[in-house]
C-alpha atoms as a PDB file:
ATOM      1  CA  UNK A   1      -6.758  -5.890   3.779  1.00  0.00           C
ATOM      2  CA  UNK A   2      -8.311  -8.163   1.451  1.00  0.00           C
ATOM      3  CA  UNK A   3     -10.774  -6.735  -0.394  1.00  0.00           C
ATOM      4  CA  UNK A   4     -14.947  -7.285  -0.984  1.00  0.00           C
ATOM      5  CA  UNK A   5     -15.256  -7.239  -4.558  1.00  0.00           C
ATOM      6  CA  UNK A   6     -19.286  -7.332  -4.262  1.00  0.00           C
ATOM      7  CA  UNK A   7     -18.963  -3.320  -3.980  1.00  0.00           C
ATOM      8  CA  UNK A   8     -19.250  -1.395  -6.618  1.00  0.00           C
ATOM      9  CA  UNK A   9     -15.953   0.098  -9.864  1.00  0.00           C
ATOM     10  CA  UNK A  10     -15.390   2.639  -8.481  1.00  0.00           C
ATOM     11  CA  UNK A  11     -15.513   1.271  -4.343  1.00  0.00           C
ATOM     12  CA  UNK A  12     -12.886  -0.869  -5.001  1.00  0.00           C
ATOM     13  CA  UNK A  13     -10.346   1.564  -6.956  1.00  0.00           C
ATOM     14  CA  UNK A  14     -10.009   4.139  -4.204  1.00  0.00           C
ATOM     15  CA  UNK A  15      -9.690   1.585  -1.233  1.00  0.00           C
ATOM     16  CA  UNK A  16      -6.182  -0.040  -3.648  1.00  0.00           C
ATOM     17  CA  UNK A  17      -5.315   3.993  -4.797  1.00  0.00           C
ATOM     18  CA  UNK A  18      -5.625   3.989   0.103  1.00  0.00           C
ATOM     19  CA  UNK A  19      -3.939   1.464   0.130  1.00  0.00           C
ATOM     20  CA  UNK A  20      -1.095   1.268  -2.718  1.00  0.00           C
ATOM     21  CA  UNK A  21       2.495   0.553  -0.398  1.00  0.00           C
ATOM     22  CA  UNK A  22       1.292  -0.190   2.247  1.00  0.00           C
ATOM     23  CA  UNK A  23      -0.596  -2.675   3.430  1.00  0.00           C
ATOM     24  CA  UNK A  24      -1.567  -2.908   0.022  1.00  0.00           C
ATOM     25  CA  UNK A  25      -5.019  -4.114  -1.850  1.00  0.00           C
ATOM     26  CA  UNK A  26      -4.797  -8.131  -2.054  1.00  0.00           C
ATOM     27  CA  UNK A  27      -8.026 -10.029  -3.456  1.00  0.00           C
ATOM     28  CA  UNK A  28      -8.676 -14.450  -3.281  1.00  0.00           C
ATOM     29  CA  UNK A  29     -10.539 -16.409  -5.621  1.00  0.00           C
ATOM     30  CA  UNK A  30     -10.925 -19.567  -5.456  1.00  0.00           C
ATOM     31  CA  UNK A  31     -10.980 -21.503  -8.818  1.00  0.00           C
ATOM     32  CA  UNK A  32     -12.660 -24.436 -10.609  1.00  0.00           C
ATOM     33  CA  UNK A  33     -10.945 -26.776 -11.791  1.00  0.00           C
ATOM     34  CA  UNK A  34     -14.495 -29.146 -12.747  1.00  0.00           C
ATOM     35  CA  UNK A  35     -13.350 -30.951 -15.242  1.00  0.00           C
ATOM     36  CA  UNK A  36     -10.811 -32.735 -12.215  1.00  0.00           C
ATOM     37  CA  UNK A  37     -13.010 -31.883  -9.367  1.00  0.00           C
ATOM     38  CA  UNK A  38     -10.734 -29.375  -7.031  1.00  0.00           C
ATOM     39  CA  UNK A  39     -10.957 -25.556  -6.342  1.00  0.00           C
ATOM     40  CA  UNK A  40      -7.290 -24.461  -5.846  1.00  0.00           C
ATOM     41  CA  UNK A  41      -7.054 -20.698  -3.670  1.00  0.00           C
ATOM     42  CA  UNK A  42      -5.455 -17.661  -5.809  1.00  0.00           C
ATOM     43  CA  UNK A  43      -4.424 -14.285  -3.550  1.00  0.00           C
ATOM     44  CA  UNK A  44      -3.746 -11.701  -5.643  1.00  0.00           C
ATOM     45  CA  UNK A  45      -1.818  -8.123  -5.081  1.00  0.00           C
ATOM     46  CA  UNK A  46      -3.570  -5.479  -6.483  1.00  0.00           C
ATOM     47  CA  UNK A  47      -0.521  -2.718  -7.538  1.00  0.00           C
ATOM     48  CA  UNK A  48      -3.318   0.219  -9.708  1.00  0.00           C
ATOM     49  CA  UNK A  49      -6.831   0.077 -11.404  1.00  0.00           C
ATOM     50  CA  UNK A  50      -8.658   1.553 -13.543  1.00  0.00           C
ATOM     51  CA  UNK A  51     -12.757   2.602 -13.001  1.00  0.00           C
ATOM     52  CA  UNK A  52     -13.922   2.917 -17.707  1.00  0.00           C
ATOM     53  CA  UNK A  53     -16.130   6.061 -18.198  1.00  0.00           C
ATOM     54  CA  UNK A  54     -19.963   5.023 -19.309  1.00  0.00           C
ATOM     55  CA  UNK A  55     -18.603   5.510 -23.204  1.00  0.00           C
ATOM     56  CA  UNK A  56     -15.680   2.817 -21.873  1.00  0.00           C
ATOM     57  CA  UNK A  57     -18.603  -0.019 -21.125  1.00  0.00           C
ATOM     58  CA  UNK A  58     -20.593   0.389 -23.846  1.00  0.00           C
ATOM     59  CA  UNK A  59     -17.812  -0.898 -26.146  1.00  0.00           C
ATOM     60  CA  UNK A  60     -17.588  -3.835 -23.861  1.00  0.00           C
ATOM     61  CA  UNK A  61     -18.920  -6.717 -25.215  1.00  0.00           C
ATOM     62  CA  UNK A  62     -21.806  -8.870 -22.684  1.00  0.00           C
ATOM     63  CA  UNK A  63     -21.081 -11.495 -20.958  1.00  0.00           C
ATOM     64  CA  UNK A  64     -23.068 -14.555 -20.457  1.00  0.00           C
ATOM     65  CA  UNK A  65     -22.873 -16.867 -16.995  1.00  0.00           C
ATOM     66  CA  UNK A  66     -23.317 -20.355 -18.262  1.00  0.00           C
ATOM     67  CA  UNK A  67     -24.898 -21.753 -15.115  1.00  0.00           C
ATOM     68  CA  UNK A  68     -23.019 -25.496 -14.423  1.00  0.00           C
ATOM     69  CA  UNK A  69     -25.849 -27.639 -14.976  1.00  0.00           C
ATOM     70  CA  UNK A  70     -25.857 -26.462 -18.772  1.00  0.00           C
ATOM     71  CA  UNK A  71     -21.874 -26.538 -19.524  1.00  0.00           C
ATOM     72  CA  UNK A  72     -21.355 -29.971 -21.761  1.00  0.00           C
ATOM     73  CA  UNK A  73     -17.263 -29.279 -22.644  1.00  0.00           C
ATOM     74  CA  UNK A  74     -14.474 -28.633 -19.901  1.00  0.00           C
ATOM     75  CA  UNK A  75     -12.664 -25.563 -19.605  1.00  0.00           C
ATOM     76  CA  UNK A  76     -10.042 -24.549 -18.589  1.00  0.00           C
ATOM     77  CA  UNK A  77      -8.639 -21.867 -16.882  1.00  0.00           C
ATOM     78  CA  UNK A  78      -5.596 -19.338 -17.105  1.00  0.00           C
ATOM     79  CA  UNK A  79      -3.940 -17.120 -14.225  1.00  0.00           C
ATOM     80  CA  UNK A  80      -0.822 -14.375 -15.405  1.00  0.00           C
ATOM     81  CA  UNK A  81       0.490 -11.821 -13.174  1.00  0.00           C
ATOM     82  CA  UNK A  82       1.747  -8.563 -13.799  1.00  0.00           C
ATOM     83  CA  UNK A  83       4.372  -7.198 -11.261  1.00  0.00           C
END
């Protein structure tokens, strides 16, 4: 089953737990290469998830979304998977 990443973390976590083994939880992503102007579809199978505690979230650095129009240098995307 494919997950909708617009759902809250706790809901996604529960779905991954419920779908563990069979049929399995999957997520589809579209990787964008701005330099080449191409898109590459990627499908990941999720085996385990963890919802962090509130105290863990306070320790994370804030990430800010940078609009495409303000990006001046090319960026690269790397992916990794764990089995």
